[in-house]
Amino acid sequence: MEDEFKEYTELTKQLMRLKLKITDENGVGDEGKLTKEEQRRQLLPS
């Protein structure tokens, strides 16, 4: 069970990195599809 959680966490991290990369390349992500929470998180410095 713990291994599955680690794997899930790792995939999530990869996904976030990929999303950030896409956002960087395009300048701005597709803000219209983001929830308010996601938009707020993107405004915070990483």
N, C-alpha and C. Protein backbone atom coordinates (compact mmCIF):
# COMPACT_ATOMS: atom_id res chain seq x y z
N MET A 1 0.84 -1.20 0.00
CA MET A 1 0.00 0.00 0.00
C MET A 1 0.88 1.26 0.00
N GLU A 2 1.91 1.22 0.82
CA GLU A 2 2.78 2.40 0.90
C GLU A 2 3.51 2.62 -0.42
N ASP A 3 3.90 1.54 -1.08
CA ASP A 3 4.58 1.67 -2.37
C ASP A 3 3.66 2.33 -3.40
N GLU A 4 2.40 1.95 -3.37
CA GLU A 4 1.44 2.56 -4.30
C GLU A 4 1.34 4.06 -4.05
N PHE A 5 1.35 4.42 -2.78
CA PHE A 5 1.25 5.84 -2.44
C PHE A 5 2.48 6.59 -2.94
N LYS A 6 3.65 6.01 -2.75
CA LYS A 6 4.89 6.64 -3.23
C LYS A 6 4.84 6.82 -4.73
N GLU A 7 4.38 5.77 -5.41
CA GLU A 7 4.30 5.83 -6.87
C GLU A 7 3.34 6.92 -7.31
N TYR A 8 2.20 7.00 -6.62
CA TYR A 8 1.20 8.02 -6.93
C TYR A 8 1.77 9.41 -6.71
N THR A 9 2.49 9.58 -5.59
CA THR A 9 3.08 10.88 -5.29
C THR A 9 4.10 11.27 -6.35
N GLU A 10 4.89 10.30 -6.78
CA GLU A 10 5.91 10.56 -7.79
C GLU A 10 5.26 10.96 -9.11
N LEU A 11 4.21 10.25 -9.50
CA LEU A 11 3.49 10.58 -10.74
C LEU A 11 2.89 11.97 -10.65
N THR A 12 2.35 12.30 -9.49
CA THR A 12 1.75 13.62 -9.30
C THR A 12 2.81 14.70 -9.47
N LYS A 13 3.98 14.48 -8.88
CA LYS A 13 5.07 15.45 -9.01
C LYS A 13 5.46 15.63 -10.46
N GLN A 14 5.58 14.51 -11.18
CA GLN A 14 5.94 14.58 -12.60
C GLN A 14 4.89 15.36 -13.37
N LEU A 15 3.64 15.11 -13.05
CA LEU A 15 2.54 15.78 -13.73
C LEU A 15 2.59 17.29 -13.48
N MET A 16 2.86 17.66 -12.24
CA MET A 16 2.95 19.08 -11.91
C MET A 16 4.11 19.74 -12.66
N ARG A 17 5.24 19.03 -12.71
CA ARG A 17 6.39 19.59 -13.44
C ARG A 17 6.05 19.76 -14.91
N LEU A 18 5.37 18.78 -15.46
CA LEU A 18 4.98 18.83 -16.87
C LEU A 18 4.04 20.00 -17.10
N LYS A 19 3.08 20.17 -16.20
CA LYS A 19 2.11 21.26 -16.32
C LYS A 19 2.82 22.61 -16.26
N LEU A 20 3.77 22.73 -15.34
CA LEU A 20 4.53 23.98 -15.22
C LEU A 20 5.32 24.23 -16.49
N LYS A 21 5.90 23.17 -17.04
CA LYS A 21 6.70 23.29 -18.25
C LYS A 21 5.83 23.79 -19.40
N ILE A 22 4.66 23.19 -19.55
CA ILE A 22 3.73 23.59 -20.61
C ILE A 22 3.33 25.05 -20.42
N THR A 23 3.05 25.42 -19.17
CA THR A 23 2.66 26.80 -18.88
C THR A 23 3.78 27.75 -19.25
N ASP A 24 5.02 27.39 -18.92
CA ASP A 24 6.16 28.24 -19.23
C ASP A 24 6.32 28.41 -20.74
N GLU A 25 6.21 27.31 -21.47
CA GLU A 25 6.40 27.36 -22.92
C GLU A 25 5.34 28.21 -23.60
N ASN A 26 4.12 28.13 -23.11
CA ASN A 26 3.03 28.88 -23.74
C ASN A 26 2.87 30.27 -23.15
N GLY A 27 3.69 30.58 -22.14
CA GLY A 27 3.57 31.88 -21.50
C GLY A 27 2.55 31.82 -20.39
N VAL A 28 1.32 31.50 -20.74
CA VAL A 28 0.25 31.41 -19.75
C VAL A 28 -0.51 30.12 -19.97
N GLY A 29 -0.87 29.47 -18.88
CA GLY A 29 -1.65 28.24 -18.98
C GLY A 29 -3.08 28.57 -19.37
N ASP A 30 -3.86 27.54 -19.56
CA ASP A 30 -5.26 27.74 -19.93
C ASP A 30 -6.05 28.11 -18.67
N GLU A 31 -5.96 29.38 -18.28
CA GLU A 31 -6.54 29.83 -17.02
C GLU A 31 -8.04 29.58 -16.92
N GLY A 32 -8.72 29.66 -18.05
CA GLY A 32 -10.16 29.51 -18.03
C GLY A 32 -10.63 28.18 -17.47
N LYS A 33 -9.81 27.15 -17.63
CA LYS A 33 -10.21 25.82 -17.18
C LYS A 33 -9.80 25.53 -15.74
N LEU A 34 -9.00 26.43 -15.16
CA LEU A 34 -8.54 26.20 -13.79
C LEU A 34 -9.61 26.59 -12.79
N THR A 35 -9.63 25.89 -11.68
CA THR A 35 -10.54 26.27 -10.60
C THR A 35 -9.94 27.48 -9.88
N LYS A 36 -10.74 28.13 -9.05
CA LYS A 36 -10.25 29.28 -8.30
C LYS A 36 -9.04 28.89 -7.45
N GLU A 37 -9.11 27.70 -6.85
CA GLU A 37 -8.00 27.23 -6.00
C GLU A 37 -6.72 27.08 -6.82
N GLU A 38 -6.85 26.51 -8.02
CA GLU A 38 -5.68 26.32 -8.87
C GLU A 38 -5.10 27.67 -9.30
N GLN A 39 -5.97 28.60 -9.64
CA GLN A 39 -5.50 29.92 -10.04
C GLN A 39 -4.75 30.59 -8.89
N ARG A 40 -5.29 30.45 -7.67
CA ARG A 40 -4.67 31.06 -6.50
C ARG A 40 -3.28 30.45 -6.28
N ARG A 41 -3.19 29.11 -6.45
CA ARG A 41 -1.93 28.43 -6.24
C ARG A 41 -0.89 28.88 -7.27
N GLN A 42 -1.33 29.13 -8.50
CA GLN A 42 -0.38 29.53 -9.54
C GLN A 42 0.17 30.92 -9.26
N LEU A 43 -0.59 31.75 -8.54
CA LEU A 43 -0.11 33.10 -8.24
C LEU A 43 0.96 33.07 -7.16
N LEU A 44 0.97 32.02 -6.33
CA LEU A 44 1.98 31.92 -5.28
C LEU A 44 3.33 31.56 -5.87
N PRO A 45 4.39 32.19 -5.41
CA PRO A 45 5.73 31.83 -5.90
C PRO A 45 6.07 30.41 -5.49
N SER A 46 6.70 29.66 -6.37
CA SER A 46 7.06 28.28 -6.06
C SER A 46 8.26 28.25 -5.14
